[in-house]
PDB file of all heavy atoms in Angstrom:
ATOM      1  N   SER A   1      17.266   5.153  16.413  1.00  0.00           N
ATOM      2  CA  SER A   1      16.938   3.795  15.958  1.00  0.00           C
ATOM      3  C   SER A   1      15.572   3.363  16.469  1.00  0.00           C
ATOM      4  O   SER A   1      14.791   2.722  15.783  1.00  0.00           O
ATOM      5  CB  SER A   1      18.018   2.812  16.413  1.00  0.00           C
ATOM      6  OG  SER A   1      18.078   2.789  17.834  1.00  0.00           O
ATOM      7  N   MET A   2      15.275   3.747  17.719  1.00  0.00           N
ATOM      8  CA  MET A   2      13.970   3.412  18.281  1.00  0.00           C
ATOM      9  C   MET A   2      12.869   4.143  17.539  1.00  0.00           C
ATOM     10  O   MET A   2      11.810   3.586  17.266  1.00  0.00           O
ATOM     11  CB  MET A   2      13.924   3.769  19.769  1.00  0.00           C
ATOM     12  CG  MET A   2      12.595   3.418  20.441  1.00  0.00           C
ATOM     13  SD  MET A   2      12.216   1.659  20.415  1.00  0.00           S
ATOM     14  CE  MET A   2      13.415   1.055  21.608  1.00  0.00           C
ATOM     15  N   ASN A   3      13.132   5.394  17.171  1.00  0.00           N
ATOM     16  CA  ASN A   3      12.139   6.149  16.419  1.00  0.00           C
ATOM     17  C   ASN A   3      11.885   5.518  15.060  1.00  0.00           C
ATOM     18  O   ASN A   3      10.764   5.450  14.586  1.00  0.00           O
ATOM     19  CB  ASN A   3      12.596   7.592  16.250  1.00  0.00           C
ATOM     20  CG  ASN A   3      12.489   8.356  17.565  1.00  0.00           C
ATOM     21  OD1 ASN A   3      11.709   7.980  18.416  1.00  0.00           O
ATOM     22  ND2 ASN A   3      13.302   9.394  17.712  1.00  0.00           N
ATOM     23  N   ARG A   4      12.975   5.087  14.426  1.00  0.00           N
ATOM     24  CA  ARG A   4      12.815   4.450  13.113  1.00  0.00           C
ATOM     25  C   ARG A   4      12.030   3.147  13.242  1.00  0.00           C
ATOM     26  O   ARG A   4      11.169   2.837  12.446  1.00  0.00           O
ATOM     27  CB  ARG A   4      14.192   4.185  12.487  1.00  0.00           C
ATOM     28  CG  ARG A   4      14.882   5.443  11.974  1.00  0.00           C
ATOM     29  CD  ARG A   4      16.034   5.075  11.070  1.00  0.00           C
ATOM     30  NE  ARG A   4      17.061   4.303  11.766  1.00  0.00           N
ATOM     31  CZ  ARG A   4      18.072   4.862  12.442  1.00  0.00           C
ATOM     32  NH1 ARG A   4      18.190   6.176  12.503  1.00  0.00           N
ATOM     33  NH2 ARG A   4      18.973   4.097  13.036  1.00  0.00           N
ATOM     34  N   ARG A   5      12.352   2.395  14.315  1.00  0.00           N
ATOM     35  CA  ARG A   5      11.665   1.120  14.528  1.00  0.00           C
ATOM     36  C   ARG A   5      10.161   1.347  14.729  1.00  0.00           C
ATOM     37  O   ARG A   5       9.333   0.658  14.167  1.00  0.00           O
ATOM     38  CB  ARG A   5      12.246   0.400  15.751  1.00  0.00           C
ATOM     39  CG  ARG A   5      11.692  -1.019  15.943  1.00  0.00           C
ATOM     40  CD  ARG A   5      12.323  -1.721  17.136  1.00  0.00           C
ATOM     41  NE  ARG A   5      13.748  -1.895  16.947  1.00  0.00           N
ATOM     42  CZ  ARG A   5      14.680  -1.289  17.696  1.00  0.00           C
ATOM     43  NH1 ARG A   5      14.309  -0.487  18.667  1.00  0.00           N
ATOM     44  NH2 ARG A   5      15.962  -1.497  17.470  1.00  0.00           N
ATOM     45  N   ASN A   6       9.851   2.347  15.544  1.00  0.00           N
ATOM     46  CA  ASN A   6       8.439   2.655  15.786  1.00  0.00           C
ATOM     47  C   ASN A   6       7.750   3.105  14.521  1.00  0.00           C
ATOM     48  O   ASN A   6       6.591   2.774  14.262  1.00  0.00           O
ATOM     49  CB  ASN A   6       8.303   3.746  16.858  1.00  0.00           C
ATOM     50  CG  ASN A   6       8.597   3.209  18.240  1.00  0.00           C
ATOM     51  OD1 ASN A   6       8.522   2.017  18.466  1.00  0.00           O
ATOM     52  ND2 ASN A   6       8.950   4.098  19.159  1.00  0.00           N
ATOM     53  N   ALA A   7       8.472   3.901  13.739  1.00  0.00           N
ATOM     54  CA  ALA A   7       7.891   4.393  12.491  1.00  0.00           C
ATOM     55  C   ALA A   7       7.584   3.249  11.539  1.00  0.00           C
ATOM     56  O   ALA A   7       6.526   3.191  10.907  1.00  0.00           O
ATOM     57  CB  ALA A   7       8.833   5.396  11.824  1.00  0.00           C
ATOM     58  N   ILE A   8       8.538   2.285  11.449  1.00  0.00           N
ATOM     59  CA  ILE A   8       8.345   1.143  10.564  1.00  0.00           C
ATOM     60  C   ILE A   8       7.152   0.307  11.021  1.00  0.00           C
ATOM     61  O   ILE A   8       6.307  -0.112  10.226  1.00  0.00           O
ATOM     62  CB  ILE A   8       9.628   0.282  10.515  1.00  0.00           C
ATOM     63  CG1 ILE A   8      10.740   1.058   9.808  1.00  0.00           C
ATOM     64  CG2 ILE A   8       9.357  -1.034   9.797  1.00  0.00           C
ATOM     65  CD1 ILE A   8      12.109   0.375   9.888  1.00  0.00           C
ATOM     66  N   LYS A   9       7.079   0.089  12.370  1.00  0.00           N
ATOM     67  CA  LYS A   9       5.955  -0.680  12.893  1.00  0.00           C
ATOM     68  C   LYS A   9       4.635   0.011  12.615  1.00  0.00           C
ATOM     69  O   LYS A   9       3.644  -0.617  12.235  1.00  0.00           O
ATOM     70  CB  LYS A   9       6.118  -0.881  14.404  1.00  0.00           C
ATOM     71  CG  LYS A   9       7.200  -1.862  14.782  1.00  0.00           C
ATOM     72  CD  LYS A   9       7.462  -1.872  16.283  1.00  0.00           C
ATOM     73  CE  LYS A   9       6.252  -2.347  17.045  1.00  0.00           C
ATOM     74  NZ  LYS A   9       6.503  -2.400  18.499  1.00  0.00           N
ATOM     75  N   THR A  10       4.614   1.328  12.783  1.00  0.00           N
ATOM     76  CA  THR A  10       3.380   2.080  12.573  1.00  0.00           C
ATOM     77  C   THR A  10       2.950   2.030  11.120  1.00  0.00           C
ATOM     78  O   THR A  10       1.779   1.801  10.803  1.00  0.00           O
ATOM     79  CB  THR A  10       3.570   3.550  13.000  1.00  0.00           C
ATOM     80  OG1 THR A  10       3.951   3.574  14.381  1.00  0.00           O
ATOM     81  CG2 THR A  10       2.300   4.345  12.802  1.00  0.00           C
ATOM     82  N   VAL A  11       3.920   2.242  10.212  1.00  0.00           N
ATOM     83  CA  VAL A  11       3.597   2.223   8.788  1.00  0.00           C
ATOM     84  C   VAL A  11       3.138   0.831   8.371  1.00  0.00           C
ATOM     85  O   VAL A  11       2.173   0.668   7.619  1.00  0.00           O
ATOM     86  CB  VAL A  11       4.821   2.673   7.960  1.00  0.00           C
ATOM     87  CG1 VAL A  11       4.558   2.430   6.473  1.00  0.00           C
ATOM     88  CG2 VAL A  11       5.110   4.143   8.200  1.00  0.00           C
ATOM     89  N   SER A  12       3.813  -0.207   8.909  1.00  0.00           N
ATOM     90  CA  SER A  12       3.421  -1.577   8.572  1.00  0.00           C
ATOM     91  C   SER A  12       2.000  -1.858   9.013  1.00  0.00           C
ATOM     92  O   SER A  12       1.210  -2.466   8.285  1.00  0.00           O
ATOM     93  CB  SER A  12       4.387  -2.571   9.237  1.00  0.00           C
ATOM     94  OG  SER A  12       5.704  -2.377   8.775  1.00  0.00           O
ATOM     95  N   SER A  13       1.664  -1.406  10.229  1.00  0.00           N
ATOM     96  CA  SER A  13       0.305  -1.610  10.730  1.00  0.00           C
ATOM     97  C   SER A  13      -0.701  -0.873   9.867  1.00  0.00           C
ATOM     98  O   SER A  13      -1.796  -1.368   9.595  1.00  0.00           O
ATOM     99  CB  SER A  13       0.199  -1.117  12.176  1.00  0.00           C
ATOM    100  OG  SER A  13       1.060  -1.869  13.001  1.00  0.00           O
ATOM    101  N   LEU A  14      -0.313   0.324   9.425  1.00  0.00           N
ATOM    102  CA  LEU A  14      -1.215   1.117   8.595  1.00  0.00           C
ATOM    103  C   LEU A  14      -1.488   0.424   7.279  1.00  0.00           C
ATOM    104  O   LEU A  14      -2.623   0.327   6.828  1.00  0.00           O
ATOM    105  CB  LEU A  14      -0.614   2.504   8.363  1.00  0.00           C
ATOM    106  CG  LEU A  14      -1.416   3.440   7.443  1.00  0.00           C
ATOM    107  CD1 LEU A  14      -2.795   3.710   8.049  1.00  0.00           C
ATOM    108  CD2 LEU A  14      -0.664   4.751   7.232  1.00  0.00           C
ATOM    109  N   PHE A  15      -0.387  -0.100   6.640  1.00  0.00           N
ATOM    110  CA  PHE A  15      -0.573  -0.805   5.374  1.00  0.00           C
ATOM    111  C   PHE A  15      -1.460  -2.030   5.567  1.00  0.00           C
ATOM    112  O   PHE A  15      -2.331  -2.321   4.752  1.00  0.00           O
ATOM    113  CB  PHE A  15       0.782  -1.230   4.794  1.00  0.00           C
ATOM    114  CG  PHE A  15       1.595  -0.071   4.258  1.00  0.00           C
ATOM    115  CD1 PHE A  15       2.977  -0.119   4.254  1.00  0.00           C
ATOM    116  CD2 PHE A  15       0.966   1.061   3.772  1.00  0.00           C
ATOM    117  CE1 PHE A  15       3.719   0.939   3.758  1.00  0.00           C
ATOM    118  CE2 PHE A  15       1.696   2.128   3.285  1.00  0.00           C
ATOM    119  CZ  PHE A  15       3.088   2.069   3.281  1.00  0.00           C
ATOM    120  N   GLY A  16      -1.214  -2.759   6.689  1.00  0.00           N
ATOM    121  CA  GLY A  16      -2.025  -3.945   6.969  1.00  0.00           C
ATOM    122  C   GLY A  16      -3.482  -3.587   7.151  1.00  0.00           C
ATOM    123  O   GLY A  16      -4.375  -4.274   6.653  1.00  0.00           O
ATOM    124  N   SER A  17      -3.736  -2.502   7.885  1.00  0.00           N
ATOM    125  CA  SER A  17      -5.104  -2.071   8.118  1.00  0.00           C
ATOM    126  C   SER A  17      -5.785  -1.659   6.827  1.00  0.00           C
ATOM    127  O   SER A  17      -6.954  -1.969   6.597  1.00  0.00           O
ATOM    128  CB  SER A  17      -5.125  -0.906   9.113  1.00  0.00           C
ATOM    129  OG  SER A  17      -4.578  -1.296  10.346  1.00  0.00           O
ATOM    130  N   MET A  18      -5.037  -0.937   5.993  1.00  0.00           N
ATOM    131  CA  MET A  18      -5.606  -0.505   4.716  1.00  0.00           C
ATOM    132  C   MET A  18      -5.940  -1.709   3.844  1.00  0.00           C
ATOM    133  O   MET A  18      -7.000  -1.759   3.218  1.00  0.00           O
ATOM    134  CB  MET A  18      -4.616   0.418   3.990  1.00  0.00           C
ATOM    135  CG  MET A  18      -4.417   1.773   4.684  1.00  0.00           C
ATOM    136  SD  MET A  18      -3.085   2.747   3.961  1.00  0.00           S
ATOM    137  CE  MET A  18      -3.692   2.969   2.292  1.00  0.00           C
ATOM    138  N   ALA A  19      -5.038  -2.689   3.842  1.00  0.00           N
ATOM    139  CA  ALA A  19      -5.289  -3.882   3.028  1.00  0.00           C
ATOM    140  C   ALA A  19      -6.493  -4.648   3.553  1.00  0.00           C
ATOM    141  O   ALA A  19      -7.347  -5.102   2.781  1.00  0.00           O
ATOM    142  CB  ALA A  19      -4.043  -4.776   3.040  1.00  0.00           C
ATOM    143  N   PHE A  20      -6.568  -4.797   4.867  1.00  0.00           N
ATOM    144  CA  PHE A  20      -7.704  -5.502   5.460  1.00  0.00           C
ATOM    145  C   PHE A  20      -8.997  -4.759   5.177  1.00  0.00           C
ATOM    146  O   PHE A  20     -10.020  -5.369   4.847  1.00  0.00           O
ATOM    147  CB  PHE A  20      -7.506  -5.637   6.983  1.00  0.00           C
ATOM    148  CG  PHE A  20      -8.558  -6.502   7.625  1.00  0.00           C
ATOM    149  CD1 PHE A  20      -8.327  -7.848   7.840  1.00  0.00           C
ATOM    150  CD2 PHE A  20      -9.785  -5.976   7.992  1.00  0.00           C
ATOM    151  CE1 PHE A  20      -9.287  -8.649   8.425  1.00  0.00           C
ATOM    152  CE2 PHE A  20     -10.755  -6.777   8.575  1.00  0.00           C
ATOM    153  CZ  PHE A  20     -10.495  -8.114   8.789  1.00  0.00           C
ATOM    154  N   ALA A  21      -8.977  -3.436   5.314  1.00  0.00           N
ATOM    155  CA  ALA A  21     -10.178  -2.657   5.065  1.00  0.00           C
ATOM    156  C   ALA A  21     -10.659  -2.823   3.635  1.00  0.00           C
ATOM    157  O   ALA A  21     -11.862  -2.945   3.368  1.00  0.00           O
ATOM    158  CB  ALA A  21      -9.906  -1.188   5.362  1.00  0.00           C
ATOM    159  N   ALA A  22      -9.704  -2.836   2.700  1.00  0.00           N
ATOM    160  CA  ALA A  22     -10.078  -3.013   1.293  1.00  0.00           C
ATOM    161  C   ALA A  22     -10.682  -4.396   1.063  1.00  0.00           C
ATOM    162  O   ALA A  22     -11.707  -4.542   0.396  1.00  0.00           O
ATOM    163  CB  ALA A  22      -8.840  -2.824   0.409  1.00  0.00           C
ATOM    164  N   LEU A  23     -10.024  -5.420   1.643  1.00  0.00           N
ATOM    165  CA  LEU A  23     -10.542  -6.780   1.505  1.00  0.00           C
ATOM    166  C   LEU A  23     -11.918  -6.899   2.142  1.00  0.00           C
ATOM    167  O   LEU A  23     -12.836  -7.492   1.571  1.00  0.00           O
ATOM    168  CB  LEU A  23      -9.570  -7.757   2.184  1.00  0.00           C
ATOM    169  CG  LEU A  23     -10.021  -9.227   2.287  1.00  0.00           C
ATOM    170  CD1 LEU A  23     -10.190  -9.826   0.896  1.00  0.00           C
ATOM    171  CD2 LEU A  23      -8.991 -10.033   3.092  1.00  0.00           C
ATOM    172  N   ALA A  24     -12.058  -6.299   3.332  1.00  0.00           N
ATOM    173  CA  ALA A  24     -13.326  -6.385   4.041  1.00  0.00           C
ATOM    174  C   ALA A  24     -14.443  -5.711   3.255  1.00  0.00           C
ATOM    175  O   ALA A  24     -15.576  -6.214   3.201  1.00  0.00           O
ATOM    176  CB  ALA A  24     -13.203  -5.739   5.420  1.00  0.00           C
ATOM    177  N   THR A  25     -14.144  -4.571   2.662  1.00  0.00           N
ATOM    178  CA  THR A  25     -15.155  -3.847   1.891  1.00  0.00           C
ATOM    179  C   THR A  25     -15.648  -4.690   0.725  1.00  0.00           C
ATOM    180  O   THR A  25     -16.852  -4.786   0.453  1.00  0.00           O
ATOM    181  CB  THR A  25     -14.585  -2.517   1.374  1.00  0.00           C
ATOM    182  OG1 THR A  25     -14.192  -1.728   2.490  1.00  0.00           O
ATOM    183  CG2 THR A  25     -15.623  -1.760   0.571  1.00  0.00           C
ATOM    184  N   GLU A  26     -14.701  -5.328   0.015  1.00  0.00           N
ATOM    185  CA  GLU A  26     -15.080  -6.149  -1.126  1.00  0.00           C
ATOM    186  C   GLU A  26     -15.901  -7.353  -0.678  1.00  0.00           C
ATOM    187  O   GLU A  26     -16.899  -7.708  -1.320  1.00  0.00           O
ATOM    188  CB  GLU A  26     -13.821  -6.626  -1.872  1.00  0.00           C
ATOM    189  CG  GLU A  26     -13.071  -5.505  -2.584  1.00  0.00           C
ATOM    190  CD  GLU A  26     -13.961  -4.771  -3.572  1.00  0.00           C
ATOM    191  OE1 GLU A  26     -14.684  -5.429  -4.349  1.00  0.00           O
ATOM    192  OE2 GLU A  26     -13.948  -3.520  -3.575  1.00  0.00           O
ATOM    193  N   GLN A  27     -15.499  -7.957   0.438  1.00  0.00           N
ATOM    194  CA  GLN A  27     -16.231  -9.134   0.916  1.00  0.00           C
ATOM    195  C   GLN A  27     -17.608  -8.752   1.432  1.00  0.00           C
ATOM    196  O   GLN A  27     -18.555  -9.511   1.317  1.00  0.00           O
ATOM    197  CB  GLN A  27     -15.421  -9.845   1.998  1.00  0.00           C
ATOM    198  CG  GLN A  27     -14.181 -10.549   1.425  1.00  0.00           C
ATOM    199  CD  GLN A  27     -13.385 -11.235   2.492  1.00  0.00           C
ATOM    200  OE1 GLN A  27     -13.177 -10.679   3.559  1.00  0.00           O
ATOM    201  NE2 GLN A  27     -12.917 -12.450   2.223  1.00  0.00           N
ATOM    202  N   LEU A  28     -17.709  -7.568   2.001  1.00  0.00           N
ATOM    203  CA  LEU A  28     -19.010  -7.108   2.473  1.00  0.00           C
ATOM    204  C   LEU A  28     -19.951  -6.917   1.297  1.00  0.00           C
ATOM    205  O   LEU A  28     -21.123  -7.300   1.345  1.00  0.00           O
ATOM    206  CB  LEU A  28     -18.856  -5.795   3.241  1.00  0.00           C
ATOM    207  CG  LEU A  28     -20.152  -5.146   3.745  1.00  0.00           C
ATOM    208  CD1 LEU A  28     -20.879  -6.103   4.692  1.00  0.00           C
ATOM    209  CD2 LEU A  28     -19.864  -3.834   4.441  1.00  0.00           C
ATOM    210  N   LYS A  29     -19.429  -6.324   0.234  1.00  0.00           N
ATOM    211  CA  LYS A  29     -20.251  -6.126  -0.948  1.00  0.00           C
ATOM    212  C   LYS A  29     -20.714  -7.463  -1.516  1.00  0.00           C
ATOM    213  O   LYS A  29     -21.829  -7.595  -2.008  1.00  0.00           O
ATOM    214  CB  LYS A  29     -19.459  -5.353  -2.018  1.00  0.00           C
ATOM    215  CG  LYS A  29     -19.193  -3.897  -1.642  1.00  0.00           C
ATOM    216  CD  LYS A  29     -18.360  -3.212  -2.722  1.00  0.00           C
ATOM    217  CE  LYS A  29     -18.090  -1.758  -2.372  1.00  0.00           C
ATOM    218  NZ  LYS A  29     -17.229  -1.104  -3.388  1.00  0.00           N
ATOM    219  N   ALA A  30     -19.816  -8.438  -1.423  1.00  0.00           N
ATOM    220  CA  ALA A  30     -20.131  -9.756  -1.986  1.00  0.00           C
ATOM    221  C   ALA A  30     -20.893 -10.632  -1.011  1.00  0.00           C
ATOM    222  O   ALA A  30     -21.329 -11.720  -1.363  1.00  0.00           O
ATOM    223  CB  ALA A  30     -18.837 -10.454  -2.410  1.00  0.00           C
ATOM    224  N   GLY A  31     -21.011 -10.166   0.217  1.00  0.00           N
ATOM    225  CA  GLY A  31     -21.679 -10.972   1.243  1.00  0.00           C
ATOM    226  C   GLY A  31     -20.849 -12.156   1.677  1.00  0.00           C
ATOM    227  O   GLY A  31     -21.375 -13.141   2.181  1.00  0.00           O
ATOM    228  N   ASP A  32     -19.518 -12.079   1.492  1.00  0.00           N
ATOM    229  CA  ASP A  32     -18.620 -13.180   1.823  1.00  0.00           C
ATOM    230  C   ASP A  32     -17.840 -12.835   3.090  1.00  0.00           C
ATOM    231  O   ASP A  32     -17.087 -11.870   3.113  1.00  0.00           O
ATOM    232  CB  ASP A  32     -17.659 -13.423   0.654  1.00  0.00           C
ATOM    233  CG  ASP A  32     -16.692 -14.562   0.933  1.00  0.00           C
ATOM    234  OD1 ASP A  32     -16.902 -15.276   1.925  1.00  0.00           O
ATOM    235  OD2 ASP A  32     -15.727 -14.713   0.156  1.00  0.00           O
ATOM    236  N   PHE A  33     -17.971 -13.644   4.121  1.00  0.00           N
ATOM    237  CA  PHE A  33     -17.310 -13.365   5.397  1.00  0.00           C
ATOM    238  C   PHE A  33     -16.225 -14.400   5.720  1.00  0.00           C
ATOM    239  O   PHE A  33     -15.734 -14.455   6.830  1.00  0.00           O
ATOM    240  CB  PHE A  33     -18.345 -13.336   6.539  1.00  0.00           C
ATOM    241  CG  PHE A  33     -19.319 -12.217   6.394  1.00  0.00           C
ATOM    242  CD1 PHE A  33     -20.467 -12.373   5.650  1.00  0.00           C
ATOM    243  CD2 PHE A  33     -19.068 -10.988   6.975  1.00  0.00           C
ATOM    244  CE1 PHE A  33     -21.367 -11.333   5.509  1.00  0.00           C
ATOM    245  CE2 PHE A  33     -19.957  -9.941   6.837  1.00  0.00           C
ATOM    246  CZ  PHE A  33     -21.113 -10.107   6.095  1.00  0.00           C
ATOM    247  N   SER A  34     -15.861 -15.222   4.761  1.00  0.00           N
ATOM    248  CA  SER A  34     -14.838 -16.240   4.993  1.00  0.00           C
ATOM    249  C   SER A  34     -13.447 -15.677   4.676  1.00  0.00           C
ATOM    250  O   SER A  34     -13.298 -14.571   4.165  1.00  0.00           O
ATOM    251  CB  SER A  34     -15.109 -17.460   4.103  1.00  0.00           C
ATOM    252  OG  SER A  34     -15.087 -17.067   2.731  1.00  0.00           O
TER     253      SER A  34
END
């Protein structure tokens, strides 16, 4: 159960990071930092 919990947390963080990176890339291209 602990392994599953860690796996879920890790995957969730990865998805969040990927989403943020995508958003950041688009905002960087647009020069928008808000």
